[in-house]
Amino acid sequence: MPNADAVYAGDVHKWVVYANSLMLRLAMRVYYADAASHRSMLYRAVNHPYGVMKSKDDEATDGEVQAWSSRTTSMFHQSVQRMSHGFLLC
């Protein structure tokens, strides 16, 4: 399973923490619309044995996507730089 999960490499504990964090975020968003749901989701997320995200180590990231994004951004900046030099010479 680690090969199929590009985010947490099959670590179910981290996925539950991520889901609890999303539930906490949703609870904060429905506060004024539905106080009962807000309270229920808030307590379920925070009181779950795994809890919610507490540090940057819990962050959901995809190393391959980040590496690709970094390369693409670098190529974009290089292209813009080349184009701007071309315009300046004209």
Protein backbone atom coordinates (compact mmCIF):
# COMPACT_ATOMS: atom_id res chain seq x y z
CA MET A 1 0.00 0.00 0.00
CA PRO A 2 2.84 2.52 0.58
CA ASN A 3 3.50 2.64 -3.19
CA ALA A 4 -0.14 3.47 -3.94
CA ASP A 5 -0.38 6.24 -1.32
CA ALA A 6 1.72 9.18 -2.52
CA VAL A 7 0.69 11.38 0.40
CA TYR A 8 1.18 9.37 3.61
CA ALA A 9 2.75 6.16 2.25
CA GLY A 10 -0.03 3.97 3.67
CA ASP A 11 0.07 5.44 7.18
CA VAL A 12 -3.60 5.12 8.23
CA HIS A 13 -2.95 7.00 11.49
CA LYS A 14 -1.94 10.11 9.52
CA TRP A 15 -5.02 9.81 7.30
CA VAL A 16 -7.28 9.72 10.38
CA VAL A 17 -5.53 12.80 11.78
CA TYR A 18 -6.06 14.52 8.42
CA ALA A 19 -9.76 13.57 8.39
CA ASN A 20 -10.19 14.80 11.97
CA SER A 21 -8.56 18.09 11.00
CA LEU A 22 -10.97 18.47 8.09
CA MET A 23 -13.87 17.75 10.45
CA LEU A 24 -12.60 20.43 12.83
CA ARG A 25 -12.37 22.89 9.94
CA LEU A 26 -15.92 22.06 8.86
CA ALA A 27 -17.13 22.48 12.44
CA MET A 28 -15.67 25.99 12.50
CA ARG A 29 -17.42 26.85 9.23
CA VAL A 30 -20.91 25.71 10.30
CA TYR A 31 -20.78 27.48 13.68
CA TYR A 32 -23.44 30.09 12.86
CA ALA A 33 -25.54 27.86 10.59
CA ASP A 34 -25.95 24.84 12.88
CA ALA A 35 -24.66 25.08 16.43
CA ALA A 36 -25.57 21.47 17.28
CA SER A 37 -23.60 20.07 14.33
CA HIS A 38 -20.76 22.44 15.11
CA ARG A 39 -20.50 21.18 18.67
CA SER A 40 -20.80 17.51 17.68
CA MET A 41 -18.13 17.69 14.96
CA LEU A 42 -15.82 19.77 17.13
CA TYR A 43 -15.88 17.29 20.02
CA ARG A 44 -15.59 14.25 17.73
CA ALA A 45 -12.52 15.67 15.98
CA VAL A 46 -10.70 16.98 19.04
CA ASN A 47 -11.50 14.09 21.37
CA HIS A 48 -10.65 11.33 18.88
CA PRO A 49 -7.74 9.20 20.15
CA TYR A 50 -5.57 10.28 17.18
CA GLY A 51 -6.59 13.94 17.46
CA VAL A 52 -6.02 16.61 14.83
CA MET A 53 -2.94 18.00 13.07
CA LYS A 54 -0.59 19.60 15.57
CA SER A 55 2.64 20.15 13.63
CA LYS A 56 4.03 20.58 10.14
CA ASP A 57 4.97 16.88 10.19
CA ASP A 58 1.24 16.04 9.97
CA GLU A 59 0.86 18.05 6.76
CA ALA A 60 -0.52 16.22 3.72
CA THR A 61 2.00 16.64 0.91
CA ASP A 62 2.97 14.89 -2.26
CA GLY A 63 6.71 15.02 -2.77
CA GLU A 64 6.48 14.14 -6.47
CA VAL A 65 3.95 16.89 -7.15
CA GLN A 66 6.02 19.40 -5.21
CA ALA A 67 9.18 18.47 -7.10
CA TRP A 68 7.35 18.78 -10.43
CA SER A 69 5.86 22.12 -9.39
CA SER A 70 9.26 23.43 -8.38
CA ARG A 71 10.81 22.38 -11.72
CA THR A 72 7.90 23.90 -13.67
CA THR A 73 8.08 27.16 -11.75
CA SER A 74 11.82 27.33 -12.36
CA MET A 75 11.35 26.70 -16.10
CA PHE A 76 8.62 29.37 -16.23
CA HIS A 77 10.85 31.95 -14.55
CA GLN A 78 13.72 31.11 -16.90
CA SER A 79 11.42 31.53 -19.92
CA VAL A 80 10.13 34.86 -18.67
CA GLN A 81 13.68 36.01 -18.02
CA ARG A 82 14.75 35.04 -21.57
CA MET A 83 11.71 36.78 -23.07
CA SER A 84 12.29 39.94 -21.06
CA HIS A 85 15.93 40.05 -22.21
CA GLY A 86 14.74 39.65 -25.81
CA PHE A 87 12.30 42.55 -25.45
CA LEU A 88 14.97 44.74 -23.91
CA LEU A 89 17.29 44.16 -26.87
CA CYS A 90 14.68 45.17 -29.47
